């Protein structure tokens, strides 16, 4: 008979993933062990292996969960009826809000992908591309010339925006003089003002 899931399965799983991300972020991918992760998560090593057969499975689950939640939240927040400037600001604000409290998961995403196999990477890339396409569509509306075949600048501009957002965890501190809302305004303004001049 198959084992049934405990009522608190999702809470346990989320706790394990968050604690594993903390260990990976602090120790690095090579030094982090399943024993350390089990200890940090407050579970037995046997239970950890029951959920995740190895470090690569854990890393994949951390990144996949993080990206899936980001993708779903962005999709819910996106409103194609908004003027492009407002739509972009809303999307940027949504991403920065999703990153709140997820610095360690984000760090694992940026640093641990090399530990994954090709199928795992492909699954994550599919989610990332959905997210990127949503932003590219808005940037194209703001400046259709970016999507020129002769000088294709849409992807470089889109990825520059992600560079602004993705590295915020390196310096931003909640409770400081700049709020996430403030930074969403700054990032959006930088892109909006710059995107008009890109040729």
N, C-alpha and C. Protein backbone atom coordinates (compact mmCIF):
# COMPACT_ATOMS: atom_id res chain seq x y z
N UNK A 1 0.84 -1.19 0.00
CA UNK A 1 0.00 0.00 0.00
C UNK A 1 0.89 1.25 0.00
N UNK A 2 0.57 2.22 -0.84
CA UNK A 2 1.36 3.45 -0.92
C UNK A 2 1.16 4.27 0.34
N UNK A 3 2.26 4.91 0.76
CA UNK A 3 2.19 5.76 1.94
C UNK A 3 1.40 7.03 1.61
N UNK A 4 0.45 7.39 2.47
CA UNK A 4 -0.32 8.62 2.23
C UNK A 4 0.47 9.81 2.74
N UNK A 5 0.21 10.96 2.14
CA UNK A 5 0.90 12.18 2.55
C UNK A 5 0.36 12.66 3.89
N UNK A 6 1.27 13.13 4.74
CA UNK A 6 0.85 13.72 6.00
C UNK A 6 0.13 15.03 5.71
N UNK A 7 -0.77 15.43 6.63
CA UNK A 7 -1.52 16.67 6.45
C UNK A 7 -0.61 17.88 6.32
N UNK A 8 0.55 17.81 7.00
CA UNK A 8 1.46 18.95 6.98
C UNK A 8 2.59 18.78 5.97
N UNK A 9 2.34 17.95 4.95
CA UNK A 9 3.37 17.66 3.95
C UNK A 9 3.94 18.92 3.33
N UNK A 10 3.06 19.81 2.86
CA UNK A 10 3.54 21.01 2.17
C UNK A 10 4.30 21.93 3.11
N UNK A 11 3.85 22.05 4.35
CA UNK A 11 4.58 22.89 5.31
C UNK A 11 5.95 22.31 5.61
N UNK A 12 6.02 20.98 5.78
CA UNK A 12 7.30 20.32 6.03
C UNK A 12 8.24 20.52 4.84
N UNK A 13 7.67 20.32 3.66
CA UNK A 13 8.47 20.44 2.44
C UNK A 13 9.01 21.86 2.31
N UNK A 14 8.17 22.85 2.53
CA UNK A 14 8.61 24.25 2.43
C UNK A 14 9.69 24.56 3.45
N UNK A 15 9.53 24.04 4.66
CA UNK A 15 10.54 24.26 5.71
C UNK A 15 11.87 23.62 5.34
N UNK A 16 11.80 22.40 4.82
CA UNK A 16 13.02 21.71 4.40
C UNK A 16 13.72 22.50 3.30
N UNK A 17 12.98 22.95 2.31
CA UNK A 17 13.57 23.68 1.20
C UNK A 17 14.19 24.99 1.66
N UNK A 18 13.50 25.70 2.54
CA UNK A 18 14.04 26.98 3.03
C UNK A 18 15.31 26.76 3.84
N UNK A 19 15.30 25.75 4.69
CA UNK A 19 16.49 25.46 5.50
C UNK A 19 17.64 24.94 4.64
N UNK A 20 17.32 24.14 3.64
CA UNK A 20 18.35 23.66 2.72
C UNK A 20 18.96 24.83 1.96
N UNK A 21 18.12 25.76 1.52
CA UNK A 21 18.63 26.95 0.81
C UNK A 21 19.57 27.74 1.71
N UNK A 22 19.24 27.83 3.01
CA UNK A 22 20.10 28.56 3.94
C UNK A 22 21.47 27.88 4.04
N UNK A 23 21.48 26.56 4.10
CA UNK A 23 22.75 25.82 4.18
C UNK A 23 23.55 25.99 2.89
N UNK A 24 22.88 25.84 1.74
CA UNK A 24 23.57 26.01 0.46
C UNK A 24 24.14 27.42 0.33
N UNK A 25 23.36 28.42 0.74
CA UNK A 25 23.79 29.81 0.62
C UNK A 25 24.99 30.09 1.52
N UNK A 26 25.01 29.47 2.70
CA UNK A 26 26.10 29.74 3.65
C UNK A 26 27.33 28.88 3.37
N UNK A 27 27.12 27.62 3.07
CA UNK A 27 28.24 26.68 2.94
C UNK A 27 28.75 26.53 1.51
N UNK A 28 27.93 26.90 0.55
CA UNK A 28 28.28 26.62 -0.84
C UNK A 28 27.75 25.24 -1.21
N UNK A 29 27.67 24.98 -2.49
CA UNK A 29 27.06 23.74 -2.95
C UNK A 29 27.90 22.51 -2.63
N UNK A 30 29.22 22.65 -2.67
CA UNK A 30 30.09 21.50 -2.43
C UNK A 30 30.15 21.12 -0.96
N UNK A 31 30.24 22.10 -0.08
CA UNK A 31 30.40 21.82 1.35
C UNK A 31 29.10 21.45 2.05
N UNK A 32 28.00 21.89 1.49
CA UNK A 32 26.70 21.56 2.11
C UNK A 32 26.46 20.06 2.00
N UNK A 33 26.13 19.43 3.11
CA UNK A 33 25.87 17.99 3.11
C UNK A 33 24.42 17.75 3.50
N UNK A 34 23.94 16.56 3.18
CA UNK A 34 22.57 16.20 3.56
C UNK A 34 22.44 16.15 5.08
N UNK A 35 23.52 15.77 5.78
CA UNK A 35 23.49 15.76 7.25
C UNK A 35 23.31 17.16 7.80
N UNK A 36 24.07 18.12 7.26
CA UNK A 36 23.94 19.51 7.71
C UNK A 36 22.55 20.05 7.44
N UNK A 37 22.03 19.72 6.26
CA UNK A 37 20.69 20.21 5.88
C UNK A 37 19.63 19.61 6.80
N UNK A 38 19.73 18.32 7.08
CA UNK A 38 18.76 17.67 7.98
C UNK A 38 18.80 18.31 9.36
N UNK A 39 20.01 18.59 9.84
CA UNK A 39 20.16 19.21 11.17
C UNK A 39 19.54 20.61 11.16
N UNK A 40 19.84 21.39 10.14
CA UNK A 40 19.30 22.75 10.03
C UNK A 40 17.78 22.73 9.96
N UNK A 41 17.23 21.76 9.23
CA UNK A 41 15.78 21.67 9.04
C UNK A 41 15.07 21.02 10.24
N UNK A 42 15.85 20.42 11.14
CA UNK A 42 15.24 19.77 12.31
C UNK A 42 14.51 18.50 11.96
N UNK A 43 15.03 17.79 10.95
CA UNK A 43 14.42 16.51 10.56
C UNK A 43 15.50 15.44 10.54
N UNK A 44 15.07 14.20 10.51
CA UNK A 44 16.05 13.11 10.41
C UNK A 44 16.60 13.05 8.98
N UNK A 45 17.79 12.48 8.87
CA UNK A 45 18.38 12.31 7.55
C UNK A 45 17.50 11.37 6.71
N UNK A 46 16.91 10.39 7.34
CA UNK A 46 16.04 9.45 6.63
C UNK A 46 14.83 10.17 6.04
N UNK A 47 14.24 11.08 6.81
CA UNK A 47 13.09 11.83 6.31
C UNK A 47 13.50 12.74 5.16
N UNK A 48 14.68 13.36 5.29
CA UNK A 48 15.17 14.23 4.21
C UNK A 48 15.33 13.43 2.92
N UNK A 49 15.93 12.25 3.03
CA UNK A 49 16.12 11.40 1.85
C UNK A 49 14.78 10.87 1.32
N UNK A 50 13.80 10.76 2.22
CA UNK A 50 12.47 10.33 1.76
C UNK A 50 11.87 11.35 0.79
N UNK A 51 12.08 12.63 1.10
CA UNK A 51 11.56 13.69 0.23
C UNK A 51 12.47 13.95 -0.96
N UNK A 52 13.79 13.92 -0.71
CA UNK A 52 14.76 14.31 -1.74
C UNK A 52 15.93 13.32 -1.74
N UNK A 53 16.12 12.58 -2.82
CA UNK A 53 17.15 11.53 -2.85
C UNK A 53 18.59 12.04 -2.87
N UNK A 54 18.79 13.32 -3.10
CA UNK A 54 20.15 13.84 -3.13
C UNK A 54 20.17 15.36 -3.20
N UNK A 55 21.38 15.92 -3.18
CA UNK A 55 21.51 17.38 -3.19
C UNK A 55 20.96 18.00 -4.46
N UNK A 56 21.16 17.31 -5.59
CA UNK A 56 20.67 17.89 -6.84
C UNK A 56 19.14 18.00 -6.83
N UNK A 57 18.48 17.00 -6.25
CA UNK A 57 17.02 17.05 -6.16
C UNK A 57 16.57 18.21 -5.26
N UNK A 58 17.32 18.44 -4.19
CA UNK A 58 17.01 19.54 -3.29
C UNK A 58 17.21 20.88 -3.98
N UNK A 59 18.35 21.02 -4.66
CA UNK A 59 18.65 22.27 -5.36
C UNK A 59 17.58 22.55 -6.41
N UNK A 60 17.22 21.51 -7.16
CA UNK A 60 16.19 21.68 -8.18
C UNK A 60 14.87 22.11 -7.54
N UNK A 61 14.49 21.46 -6.45
CA UNK A 61 13.22 21.78 -5.79
C UNK A 61 13.22 23.21 -5.25
N UNK A 62 14.35 23.65 -4.70
CA UNK A 62 14.45 25.03 -4.19
C UNK A 62 14.22 26.02 -5.32
N UNK A 63 14.95 25.84 -6.42
CA UNK A 63 14.87 26.79 -7.53
C UNK A 63 13.52 26.70 -8.24
N UNK A 64 13.05 25.48 -8.45
CA UNK A 64 11.78 25.30 -9.15
C UNK A 64 10.63 25.92 -8.36
N UNK A 65 10.60 25.69 -7.06
CA UNK A 65 9.55 26.27 -6.22
C UNK A 65 9.62 27.79 -6.25
N UNK A 66 10.82 28.32 -6.14
CA UNK A 66 11.03 29.78 -6.15
C UNK A 66 10.54 30.38 -7.48
N UNK A 67 10.95 29.78 -8.59
CA UNK A 67 10.58 30.30 -9.91
C UNK A 67 9.09 30.12 -10.19
N UNK A 68 8.54 28.97 -9.78
CA UNK A 68 7.12 28.71 -10.02
C UNK A 68 6.26 29.74 -9.29
N UNK A 69 6.61 30.02 -8.05
CA UNK A 69 5.85 31.01 -7.28
C UNK A 69 5.99 32.40 -7.91
N UNK A 70 7.21 32.72 -8.37
CA UNK A 70 7.44 34.00 -9.03
C UNK A 70 6.61 34.11 -10.30
N UNK A 71 6.64 33.07 -11.12
CA UNK A 71 5.90 33.05 -12.38
C UNK A 71 4.40 33.21 -12.14
N UNK A 72 3.86 32.47 -11.19
CA UNK A 72 2.42 32.53 -10.91
C UNK A 72 2.02 33.90 -10.38
N UNK A 73 2.86 34.48 -9.52
CA UNK A 73 2.53 35.79 -8.95
C UNK A 73 2.59 36.88 -10.01
N UNK A 74 3.59 36.80 -10.88
CA UNK A 74 3.70 37.77 -11.98
C UNK A 74 2.49 37.65 -12.91
N UNK A 75 2.10 36.42 -13.23
CA UNK A 75 0.95 36.20 -14.12
C UNK A 75 -0.32 36.79 -13.52
N UNK A 76 -0.49 36.65 -12.22
CA UNK A 76 -1.69 37.19 -11.55
C UNK A 76 -1.67 38.72 -11.53
N UNK A 77 -0.46 39.29 -11.40
CA UNK A 77 -0.34 40.75 -11.29
C UNK A 77 -0.40 41.45 -12.64
N UNK A 78 -0.05 40.73 -13.71
CA UNK A 78 0.03 41.35 -15.03
C UNK A 78 -1.36 41.76 -15.52
N UNK A 79 -1.42 42.95 -16.06
CA UNK A 79 -2.70 43.46 -16.57
C UNK A 79 -2.43 44.13 -17.92
N UNK A 80 -2.72 43.42 -18.99
CA UNK A 80 -2.43 43.91 -20.33
C UNK A 80 -3.26 45.13 -20.70
N UNK A 81 -4.30 45.45 -19.92
CA UNK A 81 -5.11 46.62 -20.21
C UNK A 81 -4.47 47.91 -19.69
N UNK A 82 -3.46 47.79 -18.85
CA UNK A 82 -2.78 48.97 -18.33
C UNK A 82 -1.90 49.60 -19.40
N UNK A 83 -1.69 50.92 -19.35
CA UNK A 83 -0.70 51.53 -20.23
C UNK A 83 0.66 50.88 -19.95
N UNK A 84 1.52 50.73 -20.98
CA UNK A 84 2.79 50.01 -20.81
C UNK A 84 3.65 50.49 -19.64
N UNK A 85 3.70 51.80 -19.41
CA UNK A 85 4.53 52.31 -18.30
C UNK A 85 4.01 51.78 -16.96
N UNK A 86 2.70 51.84 -16.76
CA UNK A 86 2.11 51.35 -15.51
C UNK A 86 2.23 49.83 -15.40
N UNK A 87 2.09 49.18 -16.53
CA UNK A 87 2.19 47.71 -16.53
C UNK A 87 3.60 47.29 -16.14
N UNK A 88 4.60 47.96 -16.69
CA UNK A 88 5.99 47.63 -16.35
C UNK A 88 6.26 47.89 -14.87
N UNK A 89 5.80 49.02 -14.36
CA UNK A 89 6.02 49.34 -12.94
C UNK A 89 5.38 48.28 -12.05
N UNK A 90 4.21 47.84 -12.44
CA UNK A 90 3.51 46.82 -11.65
C UNK A 90 4.29 45.50 -11.66
N UNK A 91 4.82 45.12 -12.82
CA UNK A 91 5.59 43.88 -12.91
C UNK A 91 6.89 43.97 -12.11
N UNK A 92 7.59 45.10 -12.22
CA UNK A 92 8.83 45.28 -11.46
C UNK A 92 8.54 45.22 -9.97
N UNK A 93 7.50 45.91 -9.54
CA UNK A 93 7.13 45.90 -8.12
C UNK A 93 6.78 44.50 -7.64
N UNK A 94 6.12 43.74 -8.49
CA UNK A 94 5.74 42.36 -8.13
C UNK A 94 6.97 41.49 -7.94
N UNK A 95 7.92 41.60 -8.85
CA UNK A 95 9.15 40.81 -8.73
C UNK A 95 9.89 41.16 -7.45
N UNK A 96 10.07 42.44 -7.18
CA UNK A 96 10.81 42.86 -5.99
C UNK A 96 10.07 42.44 -4.72
N UNK A 97 8.76 42.44 -4.76
CA UNK A 97 8.00 41.99 -3.59
C UNK A 97 8.14 40.48 -3.41
N UNK A 98 8.17 39.74 -4.52
CA UNK A 98 8.37 38.29 -4.44
C UNK A 98 9.74 37.94 -3.86
N UNK A 99 10.71 38.80 -4.10
CA UNK A 99 12.06 38.55 -3.59
C UNK A 99 12.17 38.82 -2.09
N UNK A 100 11.15 39.47 -1.51
CA UNK A 100 11.17 39.75 -0.07
C UNK A 100 11.24 38.43 0.71
N UNK A 101 12.23 38.28 1.54
CA UNK A 101 12.37 37.07 2.35
C UNK A 101 12.85 35.85 1.58
N UNK A 102 13.24 36.04 0.32
CA UNK A 102 13.68 34.90 -0.49
C UNK A 102 15.13 35.06 -0.97
N UNK A 103 15.91 35.84 -0.22
CA UNK A 103 17.29 36.09 -0.65
C UNK A 103 18.10 34.80 -0.79
N UNK A 104 17.93 33.88 0.16
CA UNK A 104 18.74 32.66 0.09
C UNK A 104 18.30 31.76 -1.06
N UNK A 105 17.00 31.70 -1.31
CA UNK A 105 16.53 30.92 -2.47
C UNK A 105 17.04 31.54 -3.77
N UNK A 106 17.03 32.86 -3.80
CA UNK A 106 17.50 33.57 -4.99
C UNK A 106 19.00 33.32 -5.20
N UNK A 107 19.75 33.30 -4.11
CA UNK A 107 21.18 33.04 -4.20
C UNK A 107 21.45 31.64 -4.73
N UNK A 108 20.66 30.67 -4.28
CA UNK A 108 20.80 29.31 -4.79
C UNK A 108 20.49 29.29 -6.29
N UNK A 109 19.45 30.00 -6.69
CA UNK A 109 19.09 30.05 -8.11
C UNK A 109 20.25 30.59 -8.95
N UNK A 110 20.89 31.64 -8.47
CA UNK A 110 21.95 32.27 -9.24
C UNK A 110 23.25 31.47 -9.25
N UNK A 111 23.47 30.66 -8.21
CA UNK A 111 24.78 30.03 -8.06
C UNK A 111 24.82 28.51 -8.20
N UNK A 112 23.67 27.85 -8.19
CA UNK A 112 23.69 26.39 -8.08
C UNK A 112 23.20 25.65 -9.31
N UNK A 113 22.81 26.36 -10.33
CA UNK A 113 22.23 25.69 -11.50
C UNK A 113 23.19 24.70 -12.13
N UNK A 114 24.49 24.95 -12.02
CA UNK A 114 25.48 24.05 -12.63
C UNK A 114 25.44 22.65 -12.02
N UNK A 115 24.86 22.51 -10.83
CA UNK A 115 24.78 21.20 -10.17
C UNK A 115 23.65 20.34 -10.72
N UNK A 116 22.84 20.88 -11.63
CA UNK A 116 21.65 20.18 -12.11
C UNK A 116 21.91 19.48 -13.44
N UNK A 117 21.08 18.46 -13.72
CA UNK A 117 21.21 17.77 -15.00
C UNK A 117 20.46 18.54 -16.09
N UNK A 118 20.58 18.08 -17.31
CA UNK A 118 20.01 18.81 -18.44
C UNK A 118 18.49 18.91 -18.38
N UNK A 119 17.83 17.85 -17.94
CA UNK A 119 16.36 17.88 -17.84
C UNK A 119 15.91 18.89 -16.78
N UNK A 120 16.60 18.90 -15.66
CA UNK A 120 16.27 19.85 -14.61
C UNK A 120 16.48 21.29 -15.09
N UNK A 121 17.61 21.51 -15.75
CA UNK A 121 17.89 22.85 -16.28
C UNK A 121 16.84 23.28 -17.29
N UNK A 122 16.43 22.34 -18.14
CA UNK A 122 15.42 22.65 -19.16
C UNK A 122 14.09 23.05 -18.51
N UNK A 123 13.71 22.37 -17.44
CA UNK A 123 12.46 22.68 -16.75
C UNK A 123 12.51 24.09 -16.15
N UNK A 124 13.65 24.45 -15.57
CA UNK A 124 13.80 25.78 -14.99
C UNK A 124 13.85 26.85 -16.07
N UNK A 125 14.56 26.55 -17.16
CA UNK A 125 14.67 27.50 -18.26
C UNK A 125 13.31 27.81 -18.86
N UNK A 126 12.44 26.82 -18.93
CA UNK A 126 11.09 27.04 -19.48
C UNK A 126 10.33 28.07 -18.64
N UNK A 127 10.45 27.99 -17.32
CA UNK A 127 9.77 28.96 -16.45
C UNK A 127 10.41 30.33 -16.62
N UNK A 128 11.74 30.37 -16.61
CA UNK A 128 12.45 31.65 -16.76
C UNK A 128 12.06 32.35 -18.07
N UNK A 129 11.94 31.57 -19.14
CA UNK A 129 11.58 32.16 -20.43
C UNK A 129 10.17 32.73 -20.43
N UNK A 130 9.25 32.06 -19.73
CA UNK A 130 7.89 32.61 -19.62
C UNK A 130 7.91 33.98 -18.93
N UNK A 131 8.69 34.06 -17.87
CA UNK A 131 8.80 35.32 -17.13
C UNK A 131 9.43 36.40 -18.00
N UNK A 132 10.52 36.06 -18.66
CA UNK A 132 11.23 37.03 -19.50
C UNK A 132 10.34 37.51 -20.64
N UNK A 133 9.58 36.60 -21.26
CA UNK A 133 8.70 36.98 -22.37
C UNK A 133 7.65 38.00 -21.94
N UNK A 134 7.18 37.86 -20.73
CA UNK A 134 6.16 38.79 -20.23
C UNK A 134 6.74 40.22 -20.16
N UNK A 135 7.98 40.32 -19.67
CA UNK A 135 8.63 41.63 -19.58
C UNK A 135 9.00 42.15 -20.97
N UNK A 136 9.48 41.27 -21.83
CA UNK A 136 9.85 41.68 -23.19
C UNK A 136 8.66 42.26 -23.94
N UNK A 137 7.49 41.67 -23.72
CA UNK A 137 6.29 42.16 -24.41
C UNK A 137 5.99 43.61 -24.03
N UNK A 138 6.17 43.93 -22.75
CA UNK A 138 5.91 45.30 -22.30
C UNK A 138 6.97 46.25 -22.85
N UNK A 139 8.22 45.83 -22.82
CA UNK A 139 9.30 46.68 -23.34
C UNK A 139 9.14 46.90 -24.85
N UNK A 140 8.65 45.89 -25.55
CA UNK A 140 8.38 46.05 -26.98
C UNK A 140 7.29 47.08 -27.21
N UNK A 141 6.27 47.08 -26.37
CA UNK A 141 5.20 48.07 -26.48
C UNK A 141 5.75 49.49 -26.24
N UNK A 142 6.70 49.60 -25.33
CA UNK A 142 7.28 50.90 -25.01
C UNK A 142 8.17 51.42 -26.14
N UNK A 143 8.87 50.51 -26.79
CA UNK A 143 9.77 50.89 -27.89
C UNK A 143 9.84 49.76 -28.91
N UNK A 144 8.94 49.75 -29.89
CA UNK A 144 8.92 48.67 -30.88
C UNK A 144 10.23 48.52 -31.65
N UNK A 145 11.01 49.61 -31.74
CA UNK A 145 12.28 49.55 -32.47
C UNK A 145 13.28 48.59 -31.83
N UNK A 146 13.07 48.27 -30.56
CA UNK A 146 13.98 47.33 -29.90
C UNK A 146 13.93 45.95 -30.54
N UNK A 147 12.81 45.65 -31.19
CA UNK A 147 12.61 44.32 -31.77
C UNK A 147 12.98 44.27 -33.26
N UNK A 148 13.86 45.17 -33.65
CA UNK A 148 14.29 45.24 -35.05
C UNK A 148 15.16 44.04 -35.41
N UNK A 149 14.95 43.48 -36.60
CA UNK A 149 15.78 42.35 -37.05
C UNK A 149 17.20 42.79 -37.34
N UNK A 150 17.35 44.03 -37.81
CA UNK A 150 18.68 44.54 -38.14
C UNK A 150 19.51 44.78 -36.87
N UNK A 151 18.86 45.25 -35.81
CA UNK A 151 19.56 45.53 -34.55
C UNK A 151 18.69 45.04 -33.40
N UNK A 152 18.71 43.74 -33.12
CA UNK A 152 17.81 43.16 -32.11
C UNK A 152 18.26 43.49 -30.68
N UNK A 153 17.61 44.46 -30.10
CA UNK A 153 18.01 44.93 -28.77
C UNK A 153 17.00 44.57 -27.67
N UNK A 154 15.90 43.93 -28.04
CA UNK A 154 14.86 43.65 -27.05
C UNK A 154 15.38 42.75 -25.93
N UNK A 155 16.09 41.67 -26.29
CA UNK A 155 16.58 40.77 -25.26
C UNK A 155 17.66 41.41 -24.38
N UNK A 156 18.64 42.12 -24.96
CA UNK A 156 19.62 42.79 -24.09
C UNK A 156 18.98 43.78 -23.12
N UNK A 157 17.98 44.53 -23.58
CA UNK A 157 17.33 45.49 -22.69
C UNK A 157 16.53 44.75 -21.61
N UNK A 158 15.82 43.69 -22.00
CA UNK A 158 15.05 42.90 -21.03
C UNK A 158 15.97 42.31 -19.96
N UNK A 159 17.09 41.73 -20.39
CA UNK A 159 17.99 41.10 -19.43
C UNK A 159 18.70 42.14 -18.57
N UNK A 160 18.88 43.35 -19.10
CA UNK A 160 19.45 44.43 -18.28
C UNK A 160 18.50 44.78 -17.14
N UNK A 161 17.20 44.78 -17.44
CA UNK A 161 16.21 45.03 -16.39
C UNK A 161 16.28 43.93 -15.33
N UNK A 162 16.42 42.68 -15.76
CA UNK A 162 16.53 41.59 -14.79
C UNK A 162 17.82 41.71 -13.97
N UNK A 163 18.87 42.23 -14.59
CA UNK A 163 20.10 42.48 -13.84
C UNK A 163 19.87 43.47 -12.71
N UNK A 164 19.10 44.50 -13.00
CA UNK A 164 18.77 45.50 -11.97
C UNK A 164 17.98 44.85 -10.83
N UNK A 165 17.05 43.98 -11.18
CA UNK A 165 16.20 43.37 -10.15
C UNK A 165 16.88 42.21 -9.43
N UNK A 166 17.59 41.36 -10.18
CA UNK A 166 18.09 40.11 -9.61
C UNK A 166 19.23 40.29 -8.62
N UNK A 167 19.97 41.38 -8.74
CA UNK A 167 21.11 41.56 -7.82
C UNK A 167 20.76 42.44 -6.63
N UNK A 168 19.49 42.80 -6.48
CA UNK A 168 19.09 43.67 -5.38
C UNK A 168 19.38 43.01 -4.03
N UNK A 169 19.36 41.68 -3.99
CA UNK A 169 19.59 40.98 -2.71
C UNK A 169 21.00 41.24 -2.16
N UNK A 170 21.92 41.66 -3.03
CA UNK A 170 23.31 41.87 -2.61
C UNK A 170 23.46 43.10 -1.72
N UNK A 171 22.55 44.06 -1.86
CA UNK A 171 22.75 45.31 -1.12
C UNK A 171 21.50 45.82 -0.41
N UNK A 172 20.32 45.40 -0.85
CA UNK A 172 19.09 45.98 -0.29
C UNK A 172 18.80 45.42 1.09
N UNK A 173 18.42 46.30 2.01
CA UNK A 173 18.03 45.88 3.36
C UNK A 173 16.64 46.41 3.67
N UNK A 174 15.72 45.50 3.99
CA UNK A 174 14.39 45.93 4.42
C UNK A 174 14.52 46.73 5.71
N UNK A 175 13.75 47.80 5.83
CA UNK A 175 13.82 48.65 7.01
C UNK A 175 14.79 49.80 6.85
N UNK A 176 15.48 49.86 5.72
CA UNK A 176 16.41 50.96 5.46
C UNK A 176 15.69 52.17 4.92
N UNK A 177 16.45 53.20 4.51
CA UNK A 177 15.82 54.44 4.04
C UNK A 177 15.11 54.30 2.70
N UNK A 178 15.42 53.25 1.93
CA UNK A 178 14.78 53.01 0.65
C UNK A 178 13.90 51.76 0.78
N UNK A 179 12.63 51.89 0.47
CA UNK A 179 11.72 50.75 0.54
C UNK A 179 11.75 49.99 -0.79
N UNK A 180 11.17 48.82 -0.80
CA UNK A 180 11.05 48.06 -2.05
C UNK A 180 10.20 48.83 -3.07
N UNK A 181 9.19 49.51 -2.57
CA UNK A 181 8.36 50.33 -3.46
C UNK A 181 9.20 51.45 -4.08
N UNK A 182 10.05 52.09 -3.25
CA UNK A 182 10.93 53.14 -3.76
C UNK A 182 11.84 52.58 -4.85
N UNK A 183 12.40 51.40 -4.57
CA UNK A 183 13.35 50.83 -5.53
C UNK A 183 12.63 50.38 -6.81
N UNK A 184 11.41 49.92 -6.68
CA UNK A 184 10.63 49.57 -7.87
C UNK A 184 10.43 50.80 -8.75
N UNK A 185 10.18 51.96 -8.10
CA UNK A 185 10.05 53.21 -8.86
C UNK A 185 11.37 53.57 -9.54
N UNK A 186 12.48 53.43 -8.81
CA UNK A 186 13.79 53.76 -9.36
C UNK A 186 14.11 52.87 -10.55
N UNK A 187 13.96 51.56 -10.36
CA UNK A 187 14.29 50.61 -11.43
C UNK A 187 13.44 50.85 -12.67
N UNK A 188 12.15 51.08 -12.44
CA UNK A 188 11.25 51.32 -13.56
C UNK A 188 11.62 52.61 -14.29
N UNK A 189 11.93 53.65 -13.53
CA UNK A 189 12.31 54.93 -14.13
C UNK A 189 13.60 54.79 -14.94
N UNK A 190 14.58 54.09 -14.39
CA UNK A 190 15.83 53.88 -15.12
C UNK A 190 15.57 53.23 -16.47
N UNK A 191 14.71 52.22 -16.46
CA UNK A 191 14.42 51.51 -17.71
C UNK A 191 13.58 52.36 -18.64
N UNK A 192 12.54 52.99 -18.11
CA UNK A 192 11.65 53.80 -18.94
C UNK A 192 12.37 54.95 -19.61
N UNK A 193 13.20 55.63 -18.85
CA UNK A 193 13.93 56.76 -19.43
C UNK A 193 15.03 56.29 -20.38
N UNK A 194 15.66 55.18 -20.01
CA UNK A 194 16.74 54.67 -20.86
C UNK A 194 16.23 54.01 -22.12
N UNK A 195 15.10 53.31 -22.01
CA UNK A 195 14.61 52.53 -23.15
C UNK A 195 14.22 53.44 -24.31
N UNK A 196 13.83 54.67 -24.01
CA UNK A 196 13.47 55.60 -25.08
C UNK A 196 14.69 56.01 -25.91
N UNK A 197 15.86 55.99 -25.25
CA UNK A 197 17.07 56.45 -25.93
C UNK A 197 17.84 55.34 -26.62
N UNK A 198 17.50 54.07 -26.33
CA UNK A 198 18.23 52.95 -26.93
C UNK A 198 17.86 52.84 -28.38
N UNK A 199 18.86 52.85 -29.23
CA UNK A 199 18.65 52.73 -30.68
C UNK A 199 19.62 51.73 -31.27
